[in-house]
Amino acid sequence: MDESVRAIRAPRTGGAGPTPEELLTQVARGSEAAFEQLYAVVAAPVFGVVRRVVRDSGQSEEVTQEVLVELWRTATRYNPARGSAVNWALTLAHRRAVDRVRSAQARTDREQKAGAMSPGREFDEVSEAVTARLEREQVRRCLSSLTELQRESVMLAYYGGKTYPEVAELLRSPLGTIKTRLRDGLIRLRDCLGVTR
């Protein structure tokens, strides 16, 4: 048992001041001075209990504050026949700390469940989509830099899926001319796109 708790539980004698039970009774009547004295007696042990359960210092301070506010608000519920004032405060602290841990775990579980259920895109998918769009825009810009005859030949062959002879027939040009247009057009595209061999 913690020495500070043992010292608090020790009965007071010879004008040493009111006991925690007497202080809590006065707090129940609205005495702020009694609450200040009770606070000085129970704050450290309450924090100790909360800290052991919650483990996070910042959250332990928050829970301790909540417990002390609850002591102020619910002092009228304290029944000396059921135990000491310090034990009552420590019981409130333990319950509140366990509630905080359970609440945090439930929140984590909900977030993990929601994350598993949502088909959200991963960062890489979004990045790839943006990159693909930018590349398409660059290809369009580079296609517009070709001559009309080169662009038409490239579009039919590479985007229309036509063979070189089919392109020659559609454009009513000799096959050799189409091959030259395509070669020159592809070289210009490669240079425009910054593709290196």
C-alpha atoms as a PDB file:
ATOM      1  CA  MET A   1       0.000   0.000   0.000  1.00  0.00           C
ATOM      2  CA  ASP A   2       1.254   3.487  -0.855  1.00  0.00           C
ATOM      3  CA  GLU A   3       2.678   5.350   2.195  1.00  0.00           C
ATOM      4  CA  SER A   4       0.721   8.508   1.304  1.00  0.00           C
ATOM      5  CA  VAL A   5      -2.537   6.540   1.361  1.00  0.00           C
ATOM      6  CA  ARG A   6      -1.599   4.900   4.682  1.00  0.00           C
ATOM      7  CA  ALA A   7      -0.841   8.335   6.161  1.00  0.00           C
ATOM      8  CA  ILE A   8      -4.174   9.701   4.947  1.00  0.00           C
ATOM      9  CA  ARG A   9      -6.077   6.809   6.505  1.00  0.00           C
ATOM     10  CA  ALA A  10      -4.416   7.240   9.893  1.00  0.00           C
ATOM     11  CA  PRO A  11      -6.783   8.773  12.418  1.00  0.00           C
ATOM     12  CA  ARG A  12      -6.010  12.362  13.333  1.00  0.00           C
ATOM     13  CA  THR A  13      -5.540  13.300  16.928  1.00  0.00           C
ATOM     14  CA  GLY A  14      -4.994  16.352  19.049  1.00  0.00           C
ATOM     15  CA  GLY A  15      -6.242  19.247  16.901  1.00  0.00           C
ATOM     16  CA  ALA A  16      -4.501  18.152  13.706  1.00  0.00           C
ATOM     17  CA  GLY A  17      -7.539  19.236  11.717  1.00  0.00           C
ATOM     18  CA  PRO A  18     -10.603  17.508  10.362  1.00  0.00           C
ATOM     19  CA  THR A  19     -10.455  13.975   8.967  1.00  0.00           C
ATOM     20  CA  PRO A  20     -11.120  13.358   5.249  1.00  0.00           C
ATOM     21  CA  GLU A  21     -14.566  12.077   6.242  1.00  0.00           C
ATOM     22  CA  GLU A  22     -15.354  15.292   8.106  1.00  0.00           C
ATOM     23  CA  LEU A  23     -14.036  17.342   5.188  1.00  0.00           C
ATOM     24  CA  LEU A  24     -16.211  15.441   2.713  1.00  0.00           C
ATOM     25  CA  THR A  25     -19.236  16.008   4.937  1.00  0.00           C
ATOM     26  CA  GLN A  26     -18.473  19.745   4.920  1.00  0.00           C
ATOM     27  CA  VAL A  27     -17.984  19.650   1.143  1.00  0.00           C
ATOM     28  CA  ALA A  28     -21.438  18.095   0.863  1.00  0.00           C
ATOM     29  CA  ARG A  29     -22.739  21.229   2.599  1.00  0.00           C
ATOM     30  CA  GLY A  30     -20.993  23.420   0.005  1.00  0.00           C
ATOM     31  CA  SER A  31     -17.834  24.407   1.890  1.00  0.00           C
ATOM     32  CA  GLU A  32     -15.170  25.466  -0.599  1.00  0.00           C
ATOM     33  CA  ALA A  33     -12.556  25.719   2.169  1.00  0.00           C
ATOM     34  CA  ALA A  34     -13.209  22.094   3.124  1.00  0.00           C
ATOM     35  CA  PHE A  35     -12.886  21.086  -0.523  1.00  0.00           C
ATOM     36  CA  GLU A  36      -9.488  22.808  -0.742  1.00  0.00           C
ATOM     37  CA  GLN A  37      -8.324  20.807   2.285  1.00  0.00           C
ATOM     38  CA  LEU A  38      -9.797  17.580   0.888  1.00  0.00           C
ATOM     39  CA  TYR A  39      -8.143  18.285  -2.451  1.00  0.00           C
ATOM     40  CA  ALA A  40      -4.755  18.561  -0.724  1.00  0.00           C
ATOM     41  CA  VAL A  41      -5.344  15.203   0.947  1.00  0.00           C
ATOM     42  CA  VAL A  42      -6.679  13.125  -1.958  1.00  0.00           C
ATOM     43  CA  ALA A  43      -5.264  14.637  -5.171  1.00  0.00           C
ATOM     44  CA  ALA A  44      -1.955  12.741  -5.138  1.00  0.00           C
ATOM     45  CA  PRO A  45      -3.410   9.307  -4.311  1.00  0.00           C
ATOM     46  CA  VAL A  46      -6.179   9.807  -6.889  1.00  0.00           C
ATOM     47  CA  PHE A  47      -3.600  10.690  -9.521  1.00  0.00           C
ATOM     48  CA  GLY A  48      -1.558   7.604  -8.558  1.00  0.00           C
ATOM     49  CA  VAL A  49      -4.512   5.262  -9.034  1.00  0.00           C
ATOM     50  CA  VAL A  50      -5.491   6.884 -12.328  1.00  0.00           C
ATOM     51  CA  ARG A  51      -1.902   6.862 -13.598  1.00  0.00           C
ATOM     52  CA  ARG A  52      -1.563   3.122 -12.955  1.00  0.00           C
ATOM     53  CA  VAL A  53      -4.668   2.409 -15.031  1.00  0.00           C
ATOM     54  CA  VAL A  54      -4.456   5.016 -17.804  1.00  0.00           C
ATOM     55  CA  ARG A  55      -0.616   5.122 -18.041  1.00  0.00           C
ATOM     56  CA  ASP A  56      -0.567   8.333 -20.081  1.00  0.00           C
ATOM     57  CA  SER A  57       0.445  11.294 -17.923  1.00  0.00           C
ATOM     58  CA  GLY A  58      -1.623  13.893 -19.776  1.00  0.00           C
ATOM     59  CA  GLN A  59      -4.769  11.799 -19.771  1.00  0.00           C
ATOM     60  CA  SER A  60      -4.150  10.861 -16.132  1.00  0.00           C
ATOM     61  CA  GLU A  61      -4.181  14.542 -15.214  1.00  0.00           C
ATOM     62  CA  GLU A  62      -7.467  15.020 -17.095  1.00  0.00           C
ATOM     63  CA  VAL A  63      -9.089  12.029 -15.413  1.00  0.00           C
ATOM     64  CA  THR A  64      -7.816  13.157 -11.989  1.00  0.00           C
ATOM     65  CA  GLN A  65      -9.391  16.564 -12.574  1.00  0.00           C
ATOM     66  CA  GLU A  66     -12.668  14.884 -13.572  1.00  0.00           C
ATOM     67  CA  VAL A  67     -12.609  12.757 -10.398  1.00  0.00           C
ATOM     68  CA  LEU A  68     -12.027  15.777  -8.185  1.00  0.00           C
ATOM     69  CA  VAL A  69     -14.868  17.665  -9.847  1.00  0.00           C
ATOM     70  CA  GLU A  70     -17.045  14.591  -9.344  1.00  0.00           C
ATOM     71  CA  LEU A  71     -16.088  14.548  -5.648  1.00  0.00           C
ATOM     72  CA  TRP A  72     -17.292  18.145  -5.348  1.00  0.00           C
ATOM     73  CA  ARG A  73     -20.549  17.479  -7.197  1.00  0.00           C
ATOM     74  CA  THR A  74     -21.419  14.147  -5.564  1.00  0.00           C
ATOM     75  CA  ALA A  75     -20.174  14.706  -2.002  1.00  0.00           C
ATOM     76  CA  THR A  76     -23.757  14.396  -0.758  1.00  0.00           C
ATOM     77  CA  ARG A  77     -23.779  10.733  -1.879  1.00  0.00           C
ATOM     78  CA  TYR A  78     -20.886   9.793   0.383  1.00  0.00           C
ATOM     79  CA  ASN A  79     -21.918   7.376   3.134  1.00  0.00           C
ATOM     80  CA  PRO A  80     -19.344   7.046   5.967  1.00  0.00           C
ATOM     81  CA  ALA A  81     -20.851   3.696   6.960  1.00  0.00           C
ATOM     82  CA  ARG A  82     -19.666   2.214   3.653  1.00  0.00           C
ATOM     83  CA  GLY A  83     -15.996   3.179   3.991  1.00  0.00           C
ATOM     84  CA  SER A  84     -13.497   5.967   4.349  1.00  0.00           C
ATOM     85  CA  ALA A  85     -13.620   9.151   2.296  1.00  0.00           C
ATOM     86  CA  VAL A  86     -10.234   8.358   0.784  1.00  0.00           C
ATOM     87  CA  ASN A  87     -11.384   4.881  -0.288  1.00  0.00           C
ATOM     88  CA  TRP A  88     -14.482   6.418  -1.840  1.00  0.00           C
ATOM     89  CA  ALA A  89     -12.355   8.920  -3.766  1.00  0.00           C
ATOM     90  CA  LEU A  90      -9.975   6.162  -4.918  1.00  0.00           C
ATOM     91  CA  THR A  91     -12.909   4.001  -6.014  1.00  0.00           C
ATOM     92  CA  LEU A  92     -14.270   6.898  -8.072  1.00  0.00           C
ATOM     93  CA  ALA A  93     -10.796   7.400  -9.536  1.00  0.00           C
ATOM     94  CA  HIS A  94     -10.418   3.752 -10.492  1.00  0.00           C
ATOM     95  CA  ARG A  95     -13.850   3.607 -12.120  1.00  0.00           C
ATOM     96  CA  ARG A  96     -13.260   6.816 -14.069  1.00  0.00           C
ATOM     97  CA  ALA A  97      -9.811   5.615 -15.203  1.00  0.00           C
ATOM     98  CA  VAL A  98     -11.198   2.267 -16.383  1.00  0.00           C
ATOM     99  CA  ASP A  99     -13.964   4.107 -18.238  1.00  0.00           C
ATOM    100  CA  ARG A 100     -11.333   6.255 -20.005  1.00  0.00           C
ATOM    101  CA  VAL A 101      -9.323   3.200 -21.073  1.00  0.00           C
ATOM    102  CA  ARG A 102     -12.435   1.392 -22.297  1.00  0.00           C
ATOM    103  CA  SER A 103     -13.596   4.468 -24.174  1.00  0.00           C
ATOM    104  CA  ALA A 104     -10.217   4.845 -25.870  1.00  0.00           C
ATOM    105  CA  GLN A 105     -10.177   1.151 -26.806  1.00  0.00           C
ATOM    106  CA  ALA A 106     -13.725   1.314 -28.177  1.00  0.00           C
ATOM    107  CA  ARG A 107     -12.804   4.367 -30.266  1.00  0.00           C
ATOM    108  CA  THR A 108      -9.728   2.568 -31.633  1.00  0.00           C
ATOM    109  CA  ASP A 109     -11.801  -0.518 -32.441  1.00  0.00           C
ATOM    110  CA  ARG A 110     -14.428   1.595 -34.239  1.00  0.00           C
ATOM    111  CA  GLU A 111     -11.784   3.408 -36.272  1.00  0.00           C
ATOM    112  CA  GLN A 112     -10.101   0.142 -37.259  1.00  0.00           C
ATOM    113  CA  LYS A 113     -13.442  -1.403 -38.212  1.00  0.00           C
ATOM    114  CA  ALA A 114     -14.419   1.656 -40.247  1.00  0.00           C
ATOM    115  CA  GLY A 115     -11.010   1.666 -41.912  1.00  0.00           C
ATOM    116  CA  ALA A 116     -11.319  -2.001 -42.831  1.00  0.00           C
ATOM    117  CA  MET A 117     -14.820  -1.515 -44.241  1.00  0.00           C
ATOM    118  CA  SER A 118     -14.135   1.607 -46.283  1.00  0.00           C
ATOM    119  CA  PRO A 119     -12.719   0.931 -49.727  1.00  0.00           C
ATOM    120  CA  GLY A 120     -10.844   4.244 -49.644  1.00  0.00           C
ATOM    121  CA  ARG A 121      -8.084   4.726 -52.103  1.00  0.00           C
ATOM    122  CA  GLU A 122      -4.553   4.357 -50.939  1.00  0.00           C
ATOM    123  CA  PHE A 123      -2.175   7.243 -51.433  1.00  0.00           C
ATOM    124  CA  ASP A 124      -0.315   5.441 -54.220  1.00  0.00           C
ATOM    125  CA  GLU A 125      -3.520   4.988 -56.251  1.00  0.00           C
ATOM    126  CA  VAL A 126      -4.305   8.686 -56.060  1.00  0.00           C
ATOM    127  CA  SER A 127      -0.748   9.600 -56.933  1.00  0.00           C
ATOM    128  CA  GLU A 128      -0.806   7.267 -59.917  1.00  0.00           C
ATOM    129  CA  ALA A 129      -4.099   8.724 -61.163  1.00  0.00           C
ATOM    130  CA  VAL A 130      -2.728  12.270 -60.967  1.00  0.00           C
ATOM    131  CA  THR A 131       0.493  11.241 -62.701  1.00  0.00           C
ATOM    132  CA  ALA A 132      -1.433   9.491 -65.491  1.00  0.00           C
ATOM    133  CA  ARG A 133      -3.600  12.579 -66.036  1.00  0.00           C
ATOM    134  CA  LEU A 134      -0.557  14.833 -66.239  1.00  0.00           C
ATOM    135  CA  GLU A 135       1.102  12.449 -68.679  1.00  0.00           C
ATOM    136  CA  ARG A 136      -2.015  12.428 -70.898  1.00  0.00           C
ATOM    137  CA  GLU A 137      -2.031  16.229 -70.915  1.00  0.00           C
ATOM    138  CA  GLN A 138       1.626  16.284 -71.891  1.00  0.00           C
ATOM    139  CA  VAL A 139       1.024  13.768 -74.719  1.00  0.00           C
ATOM    140  CA  ARG A 140      -1.849  15.930 -76.029  1.00  0.00           C
ATOM    141  CA  ARG A 141       0.362  19.002 -75.944  1.00  0.00           C
ATOM    142  CA  CYS A 142       3.165  17.172 -77.757  1.00  0.00           C
ATOM    143  CA  LEU A 143       0.734  15.770 -80.353  1.00  0.00           C
ATOM    144  CA  SER A 144      -0.396  19.304 -81.103  1.00  0.00           C
ATOM    145  CA  SER A 145       3.229  20.209 -81.902  1.00  0.00           C
ATOM    146  CA  LEU A 146       3.275  17.702 -84.832  1.00  0.00           C
ATOM    147  CA  THR A 147       2.344  18.634 -88.362  1.00  0.00           C
ATOM    148  CA  GLU A 148      -1.207  17.814 -89.376  1.00  0.00           C
ATOM    149  CA  LEU A 149      -0.030  14.871 -91.558  1.00  0.00           C
ATOM    150  CA  GLN A 150       2.219  13.455 -88.779  1.00  0.00           C
ATOM    151  CA  ARG A 151      -0.480  13.808 -86.138  1.00  0.00           C
ATOM    152  CA  GLU A 152      -3.085  12.144 -88.357  1.00  0.00           C
ATOM    153  CA  SER A 153      -0.749   9.218 -89.108  1.00  0.00           C
ATOM    154  CA  VAL A 154       0.231   8.726 -85.452  1.00  0.00           C
ATOM    155  CA  MET A 155      -3.388   8.942 -84.263  1.00  0.00           C
ATOM    156  CA  LEU A 156      -4.562   6.318 -86.766  1.00  0.00           C
ATOM    157  CA  ALA A 157      -1.655   3.951 -86.133  1.00  0.00           C
ATOM    158  CA  TYR A 158      -1.255   4.215 -82.352  1.00  0.00           C
ATOM    159  CA  TYR A 159      -4.638   5.355 -81.088  1.00  0.00           C
ATOM    160  CA  GLY A 160      -6.795   3.920 -83.856  1.00  0.00           C
ATOM    161  CA  GLY A 161      -5.048   0.546 -83.908  1.00  0.00           C
ATOM    162  CA  LYS A 162      -4.492   0.615 -87.685  1.00  0.00           C
ATOM    163  CA  THR A 163      -1.577  -1.079 -89.422  1.00  0.00           C
ATOM    164  CA  TYR A 164       0.801   0.955 -91.585  1.00  0.00           C
ATOM    165  CA  PRO A 165      -0.799  -0.317 -94.832  1.00  0.00           C
ATOM    166  CA  GLU A 166      -4.283   0.536 -93.468  1.00  0.00           C
ATOM    167  CA  VAL A 167      -3.101   4.053 -92.570  1.00  0.00           C
ATOM    168  CA  ALA A 168      -1.628   4.429 -96.078  1.00  0.00           C
ATOM    169  CA  GLU A 169      -4.907   3.327 -97.613  1.00  0.00           C
ATOM    170  CA  LEU A 170      -7.038   5.609 -95.392  1.00  0.00           C
ATOM    171  CA  LEU A 171      -4.839   8.640 -96.101  1.00  0.00           C
ATOM    172  CA  ARG A 172      -4.376   7.675 -99.778  1.00  0.00           C
ATOM    173  CA  SER A 173      -0.630   7.984 -99.500  1.00  0.00           C
ATOM    174  CA  PRO A 174       2.181   5.565-100.423  1.00  0.00           C
ATOM    175  CA  LEU A 175       3.262   3.192 -97.646  1.00  0.00           C
ATOM    176  CA  GLY A 176       6.821   4.615 -97.635  1.00  0.00           C
ATOM    177  CA  THR A 177       5.477   8.137 -97.092  1.00  0.00           C
ATOM    178  CA  ILE A 178       3.346   6.970 -94.154  1.00  0.00           C
ATOM    179  CA  LYS A 179       6.335   5.188 -92.591  1.00  0.00           C
ATOM    180  CA  THR A 180       8.433   8.353 -92.910  1.00  0.00           C
ATOM    181  CA  ARG A 181       5.659  10.514 -91.375  1.00  0.00           C
ATOM    182  CA  LEU A 182       5.258   8.067 -88.512  1.00  0.00           C
ATOM    183  CA  ARG A 183       9.031   7.844 -87.873  1.00  0.00           C
ATOM    184  CA  ASP A 184       9.442  11.643 -87.934  1.00  0.00           C
ATOM    185  CA  GLY A 185       6.320  12.143 -85.805  1.00  0.00           C
ATOM    186  CA  LEU A 186       7.486   9.622 -83.203  1.00  0.00           C
ATOM    187  CA  ILE A 187      10.938  11.247 -83.036  1.00  0.00           C
ATOM    188  CA  ARG A 188       9.310  14.649 -82.400  1.00  0.00           C
ATOM    189  CA  LEU A 189       7.029  13.119 -79.768  1.00  0.00           C
ATOM    190  CA  ARG A 190       9.985  11.435 -78.054  1.00  0.00           C
ATOM    191  CA  ASP A 191      11.902  14.723 -77.960  1.00  0.00           C
ATOM    192  CA  CYS A 192       8.858  16.680 -76.756  1.00  0.00           C
ATOM    193  CA  LEU A 193       8.130  14.143 -73.992  1.00  0.00           C
ATOM    194  CA  GLY A 194      11.772  14.069 -72.928  1.00  0.00           C
ATOM    195  CA  VAL A 195      12.074  10.317 -73.421  1.00  0.00           C
ATOM    196  CA  THR A 196      15.678   9.114 -73.550  1.00  0.00           C
ATOM    197  CA  ARG A 197      16.821   5.893 -75.087  1.00  0.00           C
END
